Amino acid sequence: MREATHKAFGQLVNRVGRGLAHHLRSLMGPWLVAQCDSYAPAASAAVAAFQSAFSPVKQREAIAFCRVEVMDVSYAYLCICVL
């Protein structure tokens, strides 16, 4: 199920293109966490969606643009994993 979700997300991202920018801050943190999914096919699908959405240079720029939100999600994820 997770793999199918990430594949569908990848298709959505490719269709909306620049329209994704408005929602990028709310999506980036969970999207990056999904790339570390313990289920390898799901993680690969999340990585593929991310790579198809952004060129390597734009990947860094997008993460930098969303740095606060990425850190918030990362912190929340780490707190859940520690408990």
PDB file of N, CA and C in Angstrom:
ATOM      1  N   MET A   1       0.814  -1.193   0.000  1.00  0.00           N
ATOM      2  CA  MET A   1       0.000   0.000   0.000  1.00  0.00           C
ATOM      3  C   MET A   1       0.863   1.265   0.000  1.00  0.00           C
ATOM      4  N   ARG A   2       1.903   1.291   0.837  1.00  0.00           N
ATOM      5  CA  ARG A   2       2.755   2.481   0.902  1.00  0.00           C
ATOM      6  C   ARG A   2       3.427   2.739  -0.431  1.00  0.00           C
ATOM      7  N   GLU A   3       3.866   1.662  -1.072  1.00  0.00           N
ATOM      8  CA  GLU A   3       4.538   1.813  -2.364  1.00  0.00           C
ATOM      9  C   GLU A   3       3.588   2.444  -3.385  1.00  0.00           C
ATOM     10  N   ALA A   4       2.363   1.965  -3.420  1.00  0.00           N
ATOM     11  CA  ALA A   4       1.371   2.502  -4.363  1.00  0.00           C
ATOM     12  C   ALA A   4       1.081   3.969  -4.063  1.00  0.00           C
ATOM     13  N   THR A   5       1.062   4.312  -2.792  1.00  0.00           N
ATOM     14  CA  THR A   5       0.820   5.703  -2.402  1.00  0.00           C
ATOM     15  C   THR A   5       1.920   6.605  -2.928  1.00  0.00           C
ATOM     16  N   HIS A   6       3.162   6.195  -2.778  1.00  0.00           N
ATOM     17  CA  HIS A   6       4.278   7.022  -3.246  1.00  0.00           C
ATOM     18  C   HIS A   6       4.326   7.101  -4.758  1.00  0.00           C
ATOM     19  N   LYS A   7       3.954   6.013  -5.432  1.00  0.00           N
ATOM     20  CA  LYS A   7       3.903   6.056  -6.898  1.00  0.00           C
ATOM     21  C   LYS A   7       2.809   7.017  -7.367  1.00  0.00           C
ATOM     22  N   ALA A   8       1.661   6.972  -6.708  1.00  0.00           N
ATOM     23  CA  ALA A   8       0.570   7.887  -7.058  1.00  0.00           C
ATOM     24  C   ALA A   8       0.979   9.329  -6.775  1.00  0.00           C
ATOM     25  N   PHE A   9       1.682   9.538  -5.674  1.00  0.00           N
ATOM     26  CA  PHE A   9       2.159  10.876  -5.345  1.00  0.00           C
ATOM     27  C   PHE A   9       3.118  11.370  -6.418  1.00  0.00           C
ATOM     28  N   GLY A  10       3.982  10.489  -6.893  1.00  0.00           N
ATOM     29  CA  GLY A  10       4.913  10.852  -7.954  1.00  0.00           C
ATOM     30  C   GLY A  10       4.189  11.285  -9.215  1.00  0.00           C
ATOM     31  N   GLN A  11       3.131  10.567  -9.566  1.00  0.00           N
ATOM     32  CA  GLN A  11       2.348  10.945 -10.742  1.00  0.00           C
ATOM     33  C   GLN A  11       1.655  12.286 -10.538  1.00  0.00           C
ATOM     34  N   LEU A  12       1.138  12.490  -9.341  1.00  0.00           N
ATOM     35  CA  LEU A  12       0.489  13.763  -9.024  1.00  0.00           C
ATOM     36  C   LEU A  12       1.464  14.925  -9.131  1.00  0.00           C
ATOM     37  N   VAL A  13       2.650  14.740  -8.556  1.00  0.00           N
ATOM     38  CA  VAL A  13       3.672  15.786  -8.580  1.00  0.00           C
ATOM     39  C   VAL A  13       4.047  16.134 -10.015  1.00  0.00           C
ATOM     40  N   ASN A  14       4.178  15.120 -10.856  1.00  0.00           N
ATOM     41  CA  ASN A  14       4.534  15.374 -12.252  1.00  0.00           C
ATOM     42  C   ASN A  14       3.439  16.140 -12.983  1.00  0.00           C
ATOM     43  N   ARG A  15       2.191  15.912 -12.607  1.00  0.00           N
ATOM     44  CA  ARG A  15       1.088  16.605 -13.283  1.00  0.00           C
ATOM     45  C   ARG A  15       0.920  18.047 -12.825  1.00  0.00           C
ATOM     46  N   VAL A  16       1.085  18.280 -11.530  1.00  0.00           N
ATOM     47  CA  VAL A  16       0.855  19.646 -11.038  1.00  0.00           C
ATOM     48  C   VAL A  16       2.057  20.541 -11.262  1.00  0.00           C
ATOM     49  N   GLY A  17       3.236  19.961 -11.410  1.00  0.00           N
ATOM     50  CA  GLY A  17       4.432  20.741 -11.715  1.00  0.00           C
ATOM     51  C   GLY A  17       4.676  21.858 -10.716  1.00  0.00           C
ATOM     52  N   ARG A  18       4.778  23.068 -11.211  1.00  0.00           N
ATOM     53  CA  ARG A  18       5.066  24.224 -10.361  1.00  0.00           C
ATOM     54  C   ARG A  18       3.939  24.531  -9.373  1.00  0.00           C
ATOM     55  N   GLY A  19       2.765  23.974  -9.628  1.00  0.00           N
ATOM     56  CA  GLY A  19       1.648  24.161  -8.704  1.00  0.00           C
ATOM     57  C   GLY A  19       1.913  23.532  -7.345  1.00  0.00           C
ATOM     58  N   LEU A  20       2.900  22.669  -7.291  1.00  0.00           N
ATOM     59  CA  LEU A  20       3.288  22.019  -6.038  1.00  0.00           C
ATOM     60  C   LEU A  20       3.921  23.013  -5.069  1.00  0.00           C
ATOM     61  N   ALA A  21       4.500  24.075  -5.580  1.00  0.00           N
ATOM     62  CA  ALA A  21       5.250  25.029  -4.751  1.00  0.00           C
ATOM     63  C   ALA A  21       4.415  25.574  -3.600  1.00  0.00           C
ATOM     64  N   HIS A  22       3.153  25.817  -3.840  1.00  0.00           N
ATOM     65  CA  HIS A  22       2.280  26.359  -2.801  1.00  0.00           C
ATOM     66  C   HIS A  22       2.136  25.403  -1.610  1.00  0.00           C
ATOM     67  N   HIS A  23       2.261  24.118  -1.856  1.00  0.00           N
ATOM     68  CA  HIS A  23       2.065  23.102  -0.819  1.00  0.00           C
ATOM     69  C   HIS A  23       3.367  22.443  -0.369  1.00  0.00           C
ATOM     70  N   LEU A  24       4.463  22.883  -0.940  1.00  0.00           N
ATOM     71  CA  LEU A  24       5.739  22.201  -0.723  1.00  0.00           C
ATOM     72  C   LEU A  24       6.152  22.143   0.744  1.00  0.00           C
ATOM     73  N   ARG A  25       5.966  23.222   1.474  1.00  0.00           N
ATOM     74  CA  ARG A  25       6.404  23.235   2.876  1.00  0.00           C
ATOM     75  C   ARG A  25       5.675  22.188   3.711  1.00  0.00           C
ATOM     76  N   SER A  26       4.417  21.956   3.439  1.00  0.00           N
ATOM     77  CA  SER A  26       3.683  20.957   4.219  1.00  0.00           C
ATOM     78  C   SER A  26       3.992  19.531   3.770  1.00  0.00           C
ATOM     79  N   LEU A  27       4.506  19.373   2.562  1.00  0.00           N
ATOM     80  CA  LEU A  27       4.784  18.035   2.028  1.00  0.00           C
ATOM     81  C   LEU A  27       6.227  17.573   2.220  1.00  0.00           C
ATOM     82  N   MET A  28       7.163  18.511   2.261  1.00  0.00           N
ATOM     83  CA  MET A  28       8.577  18.146   2.200  1.00  0.00           C
ATOM     84  C   MET A  28       9.024  17.244   3.353  1.00  0.00           C
ATOM     85  N   GLY A  29       8.676  17.568   4.582  1.00  0.00           N
ATOM     86  CA  GLY A  29       9.112  16.756   5.724  1.00  0.00           C
ATOM     87  C   GLY A  29       8.664  15.307   5.617  1.00  0.00           C
ATOM     88  N   PRO A  30       7.345  15.069   5.477  1.00  0.00           N
ATOM     89  CA  PRO A  30       6.892  13.685   5.330  1.00  0.00           C
ATOM     90  C   PRO A  30       7.473  12.996   4.092  1.00  0.00           C
ATOM     91  N   TRP A  31       7.680  13.761   3.026  1.00  0.00           N
ATOM     92  CA  TRP A  31       8.240  13.201   1.800  1.00  0.00           C
ATOM     93  C   TRP A  31       9.665  12.706   2.035  1.00  0.00           C
ATOM     94  N   LEU A  32      10.461  13.468   2.748  1.00  0.00           N
ATOM     95  CA  LEU A  32      11.831  13.047   3.046  1.00  0.00           C
ATOM     96  C   LEU A  32      11.849  11.859   4.007  1.00  0.00           C
ATOM     97  N   VAL A  33      10.977  11.861   4.999  1.00  0.00           N
ATOM     98  CA  VAL A  33      10.890  10.725   5.925  1.00  0.00           C
ATOM     99  C   VAL A  33      10.483   9.466   5.153  1.00  0.00           C
ATOM    100  N   ALA A  34       9.570   9.598   4.208  1.00  0.00           N
ATOM    101  CA  ALA A  34       9.120   8.451   3.413  1.00  0.00           C
ATOM    102  C   ALA A  34      10.262   7.817   2.628  1.00  0.00           C
ATOM    103  N   GLN A  35      11.276   8.612   2.292  1.00  0.00           N
ATOM    104  CA  GLN A  35      12.420   8.078   1.550  1.00  0.00           C
ATOM    105  C   GLN A  35      13.278   7.157   2.408  1.00  0.00           C
ATOM    106  N   CYS A  36      13.033   7.163   3.716  1.00  0.00           N
ATOM    107  CA  CYS A  36      13.763   6.294   4.650  1.00  0.00           C
ATOM    108  C   CYS A  36      12.869   5.182   5.177  1.00  0.00           C
ATOM    109  N   ASP A  37      11.780   4.911   4.498  1.00  0.00           N
ATOM    110  CA  ASP A  37      10.834   3.880   4.916  1.00  0.00           C
ATOM    111  C   ASP A  37      11.553   2.538   5.046  1.00  0.00           C
ATOM    112  N   SER A  38      11.194   1.764   6.045  1.00  0.00           N
ATOM    113  CA  SER A  38      11.834   0.462   6.247  1.00  0.00           C
ATOM    114  C   SER A  38      11.428  -0.548   5.175  1.00  0.00           C
ATOM    115  N   TYR A  39      10.338  -0.293   4.491  1.00  0.00           N
ATOM    116  CA  TYR A  39       9.904  -1.147   3.387  1.00  0.00           C
ATOM    117  C   TYR A  39      10.536  -0.594   2.110  1.00  0.00           C
ATOM    118  N   ALA A  40      11.543  -1.289   1.620  1.00  0.00           N
ATOM    119  CA  ALA A  40      12.380  -0.789   0.523  1.00  0.00           C
ATOM    120  C   ALA A  40      11.594  -0.339  -0.715  1.00  0.00           C
ATOM    121  N   PRO A  41      10.591  -1.090  -1.179  1.00  0.00           N
ATOM    122  CA  PRO A  41       9.856  -0.605  -2.359  1.00  0.00           C
ATOM    123  C   PRO A  41       9.159   0.735  -2.122  1.00  0.00           C
ATOM    124  N   ALA A  42       8.668   0.956  -0.919  1.00  0.00           N
ATOM    125  CA  ALA A  42       8.016   2.234  -0.604  1.00  0.00           C
ATOM    126  C   ALA A  42       9.049   3.355  -0.594  1.00  0.00           C
ATOM    127  N   ALA A  43      10.196   3.103   0.024  1.00  0.00           N
ATOM    128  CA  ALA A  43      11.260   4.110   0.061  1.00  0.00           C
ATOM    129  C   ALA A  43      11.731   4.435  -1.355  1.00  0.00           C
ATOM    130  N   SER A  44      11.895   3.414  -2.177  1.00  0.00           N
ATOM    131  CA  SER A  44      12.329   3.639  -3.561  1.00  0.00           C
ATOM    132  C   SER A  44      11.321   4.455  -4.350  1.00  0.00           C
ATOM    133  N   ALA A  45      10.042   4.199  -4.122  1.00  0.00           N
ATOM    134  CA  ALA A  45       8.996   4.952  -4.822  1.00  0.00           C
ATOM    135  C   ALA A  45       9.017   6.416  -4.373  1.00  0.00           C
ATOM    136  N   ALA A  46       9.246   6.671  -3.085  1.00  0.00           N
ATOM    137  CA  ALA A  46       9.322   8.049  -2.583  1.00  0.00           C
ATOM    138  C   ALA A  46      10.541   8.765  -3.162  1.00  0.00           C
ATOM    139  N   VAL A  47      11.663   8.069  -3.238  1.00  0.00           N
ATOM    140  CA  VAL A  47      12.877   8.649  -3.821  1.00  0.00           C
ATOM    141  C   VAL A  47      12.651   8.958  -5.299  1.00  0.00           C
ATOM    142  N   ALA A  48      12.039   8.012  -6.017  1.00  0.00           N
ATOM    143  CA  ALA A  48      11.792   8.216  -7.450  1.00  0.00           C
ATOM    144  C   ALA A  48      10.882   9.422  -7.683  1.00  0.00           C
ATOM    145  N   ALA A  49       9.859   9.572  -6.856  1.00  0.00           N
ATOM    146  CA  ALA A  49       8.954  10.723  -6.993  1.00  0.00           C
ATOM    147  C   ALA A  49       9.701  12.024  -6.744  1.00  0.00           C
ATOM    148  N   PHE A  50      10.554  12.030  -5.727  1.00  0.00           N
ATOM    149  CA  PHE A  50      11.321  13.231  -5.394  1.00  0.00           C
ATOM    150  C   PHE A  50      12.286  13.580  -6.518  1.00  0.00           C
ATOM    151  N   GLN A  51      12.969  12.575  -7.041  1.00  0.00           N
ATOM    152  CA  GLN A  51      13.937  12.824  -8.108  1.00  0.00           C
ATOM    153  C   GLN A  51      13.263  13.252  -9.408  1.00  0.00           C
ATOM    154  N   SER A  52      12.049  12.763  -9.644  1.00  0.00           N
ATOM    155  CA  SER A  52      11.362  13.183 -10.869  1.00  0.00           C
ATOM    156  C   SER A  52      10.775  14.589 -10.732  1.00  0.00           C
ATOM    157  N   ALA A  53      10.528  14.999  -9.495  1.00  0.00           N
ATOM    158  CA  ALA A  53       9.963  16.334  -9.263  1.00  0.00           C
ATOM    159  C   ALA A  53      11.016  17.431  -9.343  1.00  0.00           C
ATOM    160  N   PHE A  54      12.256  17.111  -8.943  1.00  0.00           N
ATOM    161  CA  PHE A  54      13.292  18.135  -8.842  1.00  0.00           C
ATOM    162  C   PHE A  54      14.604  17.649  -9.443  1.00  0.00           C
ATOM    163  N   SER A  55      15.282  18.534 -10.143  1.00  0.00           N
ATOM    164  CA  SER A  55      16.642  18.234 -10.591  1.00  0.00           C
ATOM    165  C   SER A  55      17.538  18.217  -9.350  1.00  0.00           C
ATOM    166  N   PRO A  56      18.750  17.657  -9.445  1.00  0.00           N
ATOM    167  CA  PRO A  56      19.630  17.631  -8.265  1.00  0.00           C
ATOM    168  C   PRO A  56      19.851  19.008  -7.629  1.00  0.00           C
ATOM    169  N   VAL A  57      20.016  20.035  -8.431  1.00  0.00           N
ATOM    170  CA  VAL A  57      20.209  21.384  -7.883  1.00  0.00           C
ATOM    171  C   VAL A  57      18.926  21.854  -7.201  1.00  0.00           C
ATOM    172  N   LYS A  58      17.788  21.633  -7.836  1.00  0.00           N
ATOM    173  CA  LYS A  58      16.506  22.057  -7.280  1.00  0.00           C
ATOM    174  C   LYS A  58      16.156  21.259  -6.021  1.00  0.00           C
ATOM    175  N   GLN A  59      16.645  20.021  -5.915  1.00  0.00           N
ATOM    176  CA  GLN A  59      16.399  19.238  -4.699  1.00  0.00           C
ATOM    177  C   GLN A  59      16.974  19.958  -3.493  1.00  0.00           C
ATOM    178  N   ARG A  60      18.204  20.391  -3.594  1.00  0.00           N
ATOM    179  CA  ARG A  60      18.845  21.114  -2.491  1.00  0.00           C
ATOM    180  C   ARG A  60      18.110  22.414  -2.190  1.00  0.00           C
ATOM    181  N   GLU A  61      17.720  23.127  -3.238  1.00  0.00           N
ATOM    182  CA  GLU A  61      17.006  24.387  -3.048  1.00  0.00           C
ATOM    183  C   GLU A  61      15.649  24.164  -2.381  1.00  0.00           C
ATOM    184  N   ALA A  62      14.948  23.122  -2.788  1.00  0.00           N
ATOM    185  CA  ALA A  62      13.628  22.830  -2.211  1.00  0.00           C
ATOM    186  C   ALA A  62      13.750  22.466  -0.732  1.00  0.00           C
ATOM    187  N   ILE A  63      14.752  21.666  -0.399  1.00  0.00           N
ATOM    188  CA  ILE A  63      14.957  21.286   1.002  1.00  0.00           C
ATOM    189  C   ILE A  63      15.347  22.511   1.822  1.00  0.00           C
ATOM    190  N   ALA A  64      16.206  23.352   1.272  1.00  0.00           N
ATOM    191  CA  ALA A  64      16.601  24.574   1.977  1.00  0.00           C
ATOM    192  C   ALA A  64      15.401  25.498   2.173  1.00  0.00           C
ATOM    193  N   PHE A  65      14.543  25.595   1.174  1.00  0.00           N
ATOM    194  CA  PHE A  65      13.344  26.419   1.248  1.00  0.00           C
ATOM    195  C   PHE A  65      12.418  25.950   2.371  1.00  0.00           C
ATOM    196  N   CYS A  66      12.407  24.639   2.615  1.00  0.00           N
ATOM    197  CA  CYS A  66      11.505  24.041   3.608  1.00  0.00           C
ATOM    198  C   CYS A  66      12.236  23.625   4.881  1.00  0.00           C
ATOM    199  N   ARG A  67      13.397  24.180   5.127  1.00  0.00           N
ATOM    200  CA  ARG A  67      14.252  23.689   6.212  1.00  0.00           C
ATOM    201  C   ARG A  67      13.573  23.683   7.582  1.00  0.00           C
ATOM    202  N   VAL A  68      12.800  24.695   7.902  1.00  0.00           N
ATOM    203  CA  VAL A  68      12.143  24.742   9.212  1.00  0.00           C
ATOM    204  C   VAL A  68      11.125  23.605   9.333  1.00  0.00           C
ATOM    205  N   GLU A  69      10.321  23.417   8.319  1.00  0.00           N
ATOM    206  CA  GLU A  69       9.314  22.364   8.337  1.00  0.00           C
ATOM    207  C   GLU A  69       9.954  20.977   8.341  1.00  0.00           C
ATOM    208  N   VAL A  70      11.052  20.826   7.618  1.00  0.00           N
ATOM    209  CA  VAL A  70      11.776  19.549   7.608  1.00  0.00           C
ATOM    210  C   VAL A  70      12.316  19.235   9.000  1.00  0.00           C
ATOM    211  N   MET A  71      12.866  20.234   9.656  1.00  0.00           N
ATOM    212  CA  MET A  71      13.389  20.018  11.009  1.00  0.00           C
ATOM    213  C   MET A  71      12.264  19.697  11.990  1.00  0.00           C
ATOM    214  N   ASP A  72      11.119  20.343  11.851  1.00  0.00           N
ATOM    215  CA  ASP A  72       9.980  20.060  12.725  1.00  0.00           C
ATOM    216  C   ASP A  72       9.519  18.618  12.579  1.00  0.00           C
ATOM    217  N   VAL A  73       9.398  18.156  11.340  1.00  0.00           N
ATOM    218  CA  VAL A  73       8.970  16.776  11.095  1.00  0.00           C
ATOM    219  C   VAL A  73      10.037  15.805  11.573  1.00  0.00           C
ATOM    220  N   SER A  74      11.295  16.112  11.328  1.00  0.00           N
ATOM    221  CA  SER A  74      12.390  15.245  11.762  1.00  0.00           C
ATOM    222  C   SER A  74      12.403  15.112  13.282  1.00  0.00           C
ATOM    223  N   TYR A  75      12.220  16.220  13.971  1.00  0.00           N
ATOM    224  CA  TYR A  75      12.202  16.207  15.432  1.00  0.00           C
ATOM    225  C   TYR A  75      11.017  15.367  15.943  1.00  0.00           C
ATOM    226  N   ALA A  76       9.848  15.579  15.360  1.00  0.00           N
ATOM    227  CA  ALA A  76       8.668  14.820  15.773  1.00  0.00           C
ATOM    228  C   ALA A  76       8.865  13.328  15.511  1.00  0.00           C
ATOM    229  N   TYR A  77       9.441  12.995  14.372  1.00  0.00           N
ATOM    230  CA  TYR A  77       9.685  11.584  14.028  1.00  0.00           C
ATOM    231  C   TYR A  77      10.675  10.958  15.001  1.00  0.00           C
ATOM    232  N   LEU A  78      11.732  11.675  15.343  1.00  0.00           N
ATOM    233  CA  LEU A  78      12.712  11.157  16.293  1.00  0.00           C
ATOM    234  C   LEU A  78      12.096  10.969  17.679  1.00  0.00           C
ATOM    235  N   CYS A  79      11.235  11.882  18.084  1.00  0.00           N
ATOM    236  CA  CYS A  79      10.590  11.746  19.393  1.00  0.00           C
ATOM    237  C   CYS A  79       9.703  10.514  19.432  1.00  0.00           C
ATOM    238  N   ILE A  80       9.003  10.232  18.351  1.00  0.00           N
ATOM    239  CA  ILE A  80       8.143   9.050  18.295  1.00  0.00           C
ATOM    240  C   ILE A  80       8.997   7.782  18.334  1.00  0.00           C
ATOM    241  N   CYS A  81      10.112   7.785  17.617  1.00  0.00           N
ATOM    242  CA  CYS A  81      10.958   6.591  17.543  1.00  0.00           C
ATOM    243  C   CYS A  81      11.641   6.298  18.892  1.00  0.00           C
ATOM    244  N   VAL A  82      11.939   7.310  19.639  1.00  0.00           N
ATOM    245  CA  VAL A  82      12.633   7.133  20.912  1.00  0.00           C
ATOM    246  C   VAL A  82      11.685   6.569  21.961  1.00  0.00           C
ATOM    247  N   LEU A  83      10.427   6.964  21.904  1.00  0.00           N
ATOM    248  CA  LEU A  83       9.444   6.481  22.873  1.00  0.00           C
ATOM    249  C   LEU A  83       9.179   5.063  22.593  1.00  0.00           C
TER     250      LEU A  83
END
